Amino acid sequence: MTAEIFDRELIDYLDLAPWDYHQIVQEGSFRGRTLLNVFADLPRKGGAAGRIRSAGRATRLLDEGCDFVLIGRAGILERNCPVLVESDASHESPALPVPADFLRKGGLSERFIDHLRGWGDVVRPGSL
C-alpha cells in the first residue's frame, strides 16, 4: 500500500517513527528485517524519526537509505541541535533524563516542562 501511495505521489513524504528504527519485524513476509530496511526498499522520498539523539545515528540512517531524519527529544533538549550536529560529527544529545533546570535554561516554559514530566524519560524525577 505504501509503495502505491508513493508511486501515485499522493503524499510528499512519509515520517517513519517506529520508536526504534532497528526494530525487527516479527511476522509476515518481512519477518527478520528491520523496519528501516523494509522502508528503505520502497521507492520514496522519506525520512525517519525515533531515538535519533546523535550525529552518528542520524548519519547511519541517511547511509541506510533515509532521505532525511526528524528529531524530537534531541530538538527539545537543544534547540540548536541541527547546528551542533552540522558543526560536530560526533555530537550527542544530553543523556536522559535531564534536570528541569536544564530545560529552563534552554528556554522551555514551565507548562511544557510539566508536560514532559509525563513522558517518563525526559525530566529527572524530583528535579525542580
Protein backbone atom coordinates (compact mmCIF):
# COMPACT_ATOMS: atom_id res chain seq x y z
CA MET A 1 0.00 0.00 0.00
CA THR A 2 2.79 2.42 0.93
CA ALA A 3 4.61 1.78 -2.36
CA GLU A 4 1.42 2.58 -4.29
CA ILE A 5 0.89 5.81 -2.35
CA PHE A 6 4.44 6.89 -3.18
CA ASP A 7 4.09 5.79 -6.80
CA ARG A 8 0.91 7.83 -7.26
CA GLU A 9 2.54 10.80 -5.45
CA LEU A 10 -0.38 11.13 -3.05
CA ILE A 11 1.92 12.38 -0.28
CA ASP A 12 5.11 14.44 -0.23
CA TYR A 13 6.89 12.29 2.32
CA LEU A 14 6.22 9.68 4.96
CA ASP A 15 7.51 10.09 8.50
CA LEU A 16 8.67 6.68 9.71
CA ALA A 17 8.61 6.83 13.52
CA PRO A 18 8.87 3.27 14.85
CA TRP A 19 10.28 4.38 18.26
CA ASP A 20 13.35 2.34 17.40
CA TYR A 21 14.47 2.25 13.79
CA HIS A 22 16.25 -1.09 14.31
CA GLN A 23 13.09 -2.85 15.49
CA ILE A 24 12.80 -6.29 13.89
CA VAL A 25 9.58 -7.32 12.10
CA GLN A 26 8.23 -10.37 13.94
CA GLU A 27 5.62 -11.70 11.48
CA GLY A 28 4.70 -11.87 7.82
CA SER A 29 6.74 -11.65 4.66
CA PHE A 30 9.14 -9.07 6.13
CA ARG A 31 9.93 -11.19 9.23
CA GLY A 32 13.51 -10.81 10.43
CA ARG A 33 14.12 -7.48 8.69
CA THR A 34 14.36 -4.13 10.43
CA LEU A 35 11.52 -1.67 9.92
CA LEU A 36 14.00 0.75 8.41
CA ASN A 37 15.24 -1.89 5.97
CA VAL A 38 11.69 -2.62 4.76
CA PHE A 39 11.00 1.10 4.42
CA ALA A 40 14.31 1.85 2.69
CA ASP A 41 13.49 -0.64 -0.07
CA LEU A 42 10.47 1.43 -1.14
CA PRO A 43 10.85 3.98 -3.94
CA ARG A 44 10.12 7.10 -1.93
CA LYS A 45 11.00 10.45 -0.50
CA GLY A 46 11.05 9.58 3.15
CA GLY A 47 12.57 10.21 6.49
CA ALA A 48 12.75 8.51 9.84
CA ALA A 49 12.33 9.52 13.46
CA GLY A 50 12.75 7.65 16.69
CA ARG A 51 15.56 7.86 19.24
CA ILE A 52 17.83 9.86 16.97
CA ARG A 53 19.95 11.60 19.57
CA SER A 54 23.38 11.73 17.97
CA ALA A 55 25.05 12.89 14.80
CA GLY A 56 26.32 9.34 14.29
CA ARG A 57 22.86 7.81 14.41
CA ALA A 58 21.48 10.42 12.01
CA THR A 59 24.34 9.72 9.60
CA ARG A 60 23.74 5.95 9.79
CA LEU A 61 20.05 6.44 8.98
CA LEU A 62 20.95 8.52 5.94
CA ASP A 63 23.53 5.91 4.91
CA GLU A 64 20.92 3.16 5.29
CA GLY A 65 18.60 4.84 2.80
CA CYS A 66 16.57 7.54 4.52
CA ASP A 67 16.21 10.76 2.62
CA PHE A 68 16.16 12.81 5.84
CA VAL A 69 15.84 12.37 9.60
CA LEU A 70 13.47 14.06 12.02
CA ILE A 71 14.48 14.78 15.58
CA GLY A 72 12.18 15.01 18.57
CA ARG A 73 13.65 14.85 22.05
CA ALA A 74 17.08 15.94 20.77
CA GLY A 75 15.49 19.12 19.41
CA ILE A 76 13.63 19.71 22.66
CA LEU A 77 16.82 19.33 24.70
CA GLU A 78 18.90 21.53 22.40
CA ARG A 79 17.02 23.95 20.19
CA ASN A 80 20.15 24.36 18.09
CA CYS A 81 20.65 20.60 17.69
CA PRO A 82 20.95 20.69 13.86
CA VAL A 83 23.64 23.37 14.10
CA LEU A 84 25.51 21.36 16.73
CA VAL A 85 25.36 18.21 14.59
CA GLU A 86 26.47 20.09 11.49
CA SER A 87 29.49 21.52 13.29
CA ASP A 88 30.44 18.32 15.17
CA ALA A 89 30.03 14.89 13.55
CA SER A 90 30.41 13.24 16.97
CA HIS A 91 27.78 15.35 18.78
CA GLU A 92 25.40 13.52 21.09
CA SER A 93 22.37 14.91 22.87
CA PRO A 94 22.47 15.08 26.67
CA ALA A 95 21.65 11.78 28.35
CA LEU A 96 18.06 11.44 29.55
CA PRO A 97 16.58 12.23 31.95
CA VAL A 98 17.77 15.79 32.43
CA PRO A 99 17.09 18.14 35.36
CA ALA A 100 14.16 20.52 34.89
CA ASP A 101 16.55 23.43 35.29
CA PHE A 102 18.47 22.28 32.19
CA LEU A 103 15.23 22.60 30.21
CA ARG A 104 14.50 26.03 31.68
CA LYS A 105 17.96 27.26 30.70
CA GLY A 106 17.21 26.00 27.18
CA GLY A 107 14.15 28.24 27.01
CA LEU A 108 11.35 25.77 27.75
CA SER A 109 8.30 27.05 29.63
CA GLU A 110 7.15 25.63 32.96
CA ARG A 111 3.99 24.39 31.28
CA PHE A 112 5.96 22.42 28.68
CA ILE A 113 8.37 21.07 31.31
CA ASP A 114 5.36 19.84 33.30
CA HIS A 115 4.03 18.19 30.12
CA LEU A 116 7.41 16.50 29.57
CA ARG A 117 7.30 15.07 33.10
CA GLY A 118 4.51 12.82 31.82
CA TRP A 119 6.78 11.32 29.17
CA GLY A 120 8.65 9.39 31.85
CA ASP A 121 12.18 9.62 30.48
CA VAL A 122 12.84 13.31 29.79
CA VAL A 123 12.71 15.19 33.11
CA ARG A 124 14.71 13.78 36.01
CA PRO A 125 12.24 12.78 38.76
CA GLY A 126 12.30 15.11 41.73
CA SER A 127 14.16 17.89 39.92
CA LEU A 128 12.74 21.36 40.26
